[in-house]
């Protein structure tokens, strides 16, 4: 147990993440981050326009 903790501390962060999540997990979190960042950027830019159009659509 103690030996594993010592090897985990010596590994660089990306190798530790690779060991913990695997290749699929790293790809998943990277794609999720890109999609989330894109949505935040575009929704933040046009947030009030989208909200206004949404409510105008309801009340027409």
C-alpha atoms as a PDB file:
ATOM      1  CA  UNK A   1       0.000   0.000   0.000  1.00  0.00           C
ATOM      2  CA  UNK A   2       2.718   2.449   0.952  1.00  0.00           C
ATOM      3  CA  UNK A   3       4.757   1.500  -2.125  1.00  0.00           C
ATOM      4  CA  UNK A   4       1.822   2.389  -4.401  1.00  0.00           C
ATOM      5  CA  UNK A   5       1.447   5.802  -2.748  1.00  0.00           C
ATOM      6  CA  UNK A   6       5.143   6.516  -3.314  1.00  0.00           C
ATOM      7  CA  UNK A   7       4.931   5.635  -7.011  1.00  0.00           C
ATOM      8  CA  UNK A   8       1.775   7.753  -7.414  1.00  0.00           C
ATOM      9  CA  UNK A   9       3.565  10.770  -5.952  1.00  0.00           C
ATOM     10  CA  UNK A  10       6.509  10.379  -8.347  1.00  0.00           C
ATOM     11  CA  UNK A  11       4.366  10.159 -11.499  1.00  0.00           C
ATOM     12  CA  UNK A  12       3.637  13.344 -13.459  1.00  0.00           C
ATOM     13  CA  UNK A  13       0.050  14.531 -13.252  1.00  0.00           C
ATOM     14  CA  UNK A  14      -0.878  13.436 -16.783  1.00  0.00           C
ATOM     15  CA  UNK A  15       0.417   9.912 -16.151  1.00  0.00           C
ATOM     16  CA  UNK A  16      -1.521   9.755 -12.887  1.00  0.00           C
ATOM     17  CA  UNK A  17      -4.693  10.811 -14.720  1.00  0.00           C
ATOM     18  CA  UNK A  18      -4.008   8.263 -17.454  1.00  0.00           C
ATOM     19  CA  UNK A  19      -3.591   5.550 -14.828  1.00  0.00           C
ATOM     20  CA  UNK A  20      -6.769   6.610 -13.019  1.00  0.00           C
ATOM     21  CA  UNK A  21      -9.150   7.253 -15.965  1.00  0.00           C
ATOM     22  CA  UNK A  22      -7.626   5.431 -18.930  1.00  0.00           C
ATOM     23  CA  UNK A  23      -7.463   6.631 -22.538  1.00  0.00           C
ATOM     24  CA  UNK A  24     -11.254   6.624 -22.951  1.00  0.00           C
ATOM     25  CA  UNK A  25     -11.753   8.722 -19.843  1.00  0.00           C
ATOM     26  CA  UNK A  26      -9.175  11.287 -20.904  1.00  0.00           C
ATOM     27  CA  UNK A  27     -10.788  11.577 -24.360  1.00  0.00           C
ATOM     28  CA  UNK A  28     -14.266  11.824 -22.797  1.00  0.00           C
ATOM     29  CA  UNK A  29     -13.291  14.598 -20.381  1.00  0.00           C
ATOM     30  CA  UNK A  30     -11.412  16.502 -23.107  1.00  0.00           C
ATOM     31  CA  UNK A  31     -14.363  16.407 -25.524  1.00  0.00           C
ATOM     32  CA  UNK A  32     -16.775  17.278 -22.701  1.00  0.00           C
ATOM     33  CA  UNK A  33     -14.618  20.272 -21.773  1.00  0.00           C
ATOM     34  CA  UNK A  34     -14.452  21.515 -25.357  1.00  0.00           C
ATOM     35  CA  UNK A  35     -18.227  21.209 -25.808  1.00  0.00           C
ATOM     36  CA  UNK A  36     -18.924  22.881 -22.458  1.00  0.00           C
ATOM     37  CA  UNK A  37     -16.534  25.741 -23.198  1.00  0.00           C
ATOM     38  CA  UNK A  38     -18.077  26.270 -26.634  1.00  0.00           C
ATOM     39  CA  UNK A  39     -21.601  26.320 -25.212  1.00  0.00           C
ATOM     40  CA  UNK A  40     -20.638  28.751 -22.453  1.00  0.00           C
ATOM     41  CA  UNK A  41     -18.956  31.033 -24.993  1.00  0.00           C
ATOM     42  CA  UNK A  42     -21.850  31.126 -27.457  1.00  0.00           C
ATOM     43  CA  UNK A  43     -24.637  31.134 -24.869  1.00  0.00           C
ATOM     44  CA  UNK A  44     -22.880  33.833 -22.881  1.00  0.00           C
ATOM     45  CA  UNK A  45     -22.467  35.916 -25.999  1.00  0.00           C
ATOM     46  CA  UNK A  46     -26.089  35.590 -27.107  1.00  0.00           C
ATOM     47  CA  UNK A  47     -27.709  34.679 -23.777  1.00  0.00           C
ATOM     48  CA  UNK A  48     -30.282  37.464 -23.595  1.00  0.00           C
ATOM     49  CA  UNK A  49     -31.157  37.170 -27.292  1.00  0.00           C
ATOM     50  CA  UNK A  50     -31.843  33.445 -26.887  1.00  0.00           C
ATOM     51  CA  UNK A  51     -33.913  33.986 -23.708  1.00  0.00           C
ATOM     52  CA  UNK A  52     -35.911  36.810 -25.320  1.00  0.00           C
ATOM     53  CA  UNK A  53     -36.646  34.757 -28.444  1.00  0.00           C
ATOM     54  CA  UNK A  54     -37.658  31.792 -26.288  1.00  0.00           C
ATOM     55  CA  UNK A  55     -40.238  33.809 -24.338  1.00  0.00           C
ATOM     56  CA  UNK A  56     -41.475  35.667 -27.439  1.00  0.00           C
ATOM     57  CA  UNK A  57     -42.056  32.280 -29.053  1.00  0.00           C
ATOM     58  CA  UNK A  58     -44.159  31.164 -26.049  1.00  0.00           C
ATOM     59  CA  UNK A  59     -46.366  34.262 -26.025  1.00  0.00           C
ATOM     60  CA  UNK A  60     -46.987  34.574 -29.765  1.00  0.00           C
END
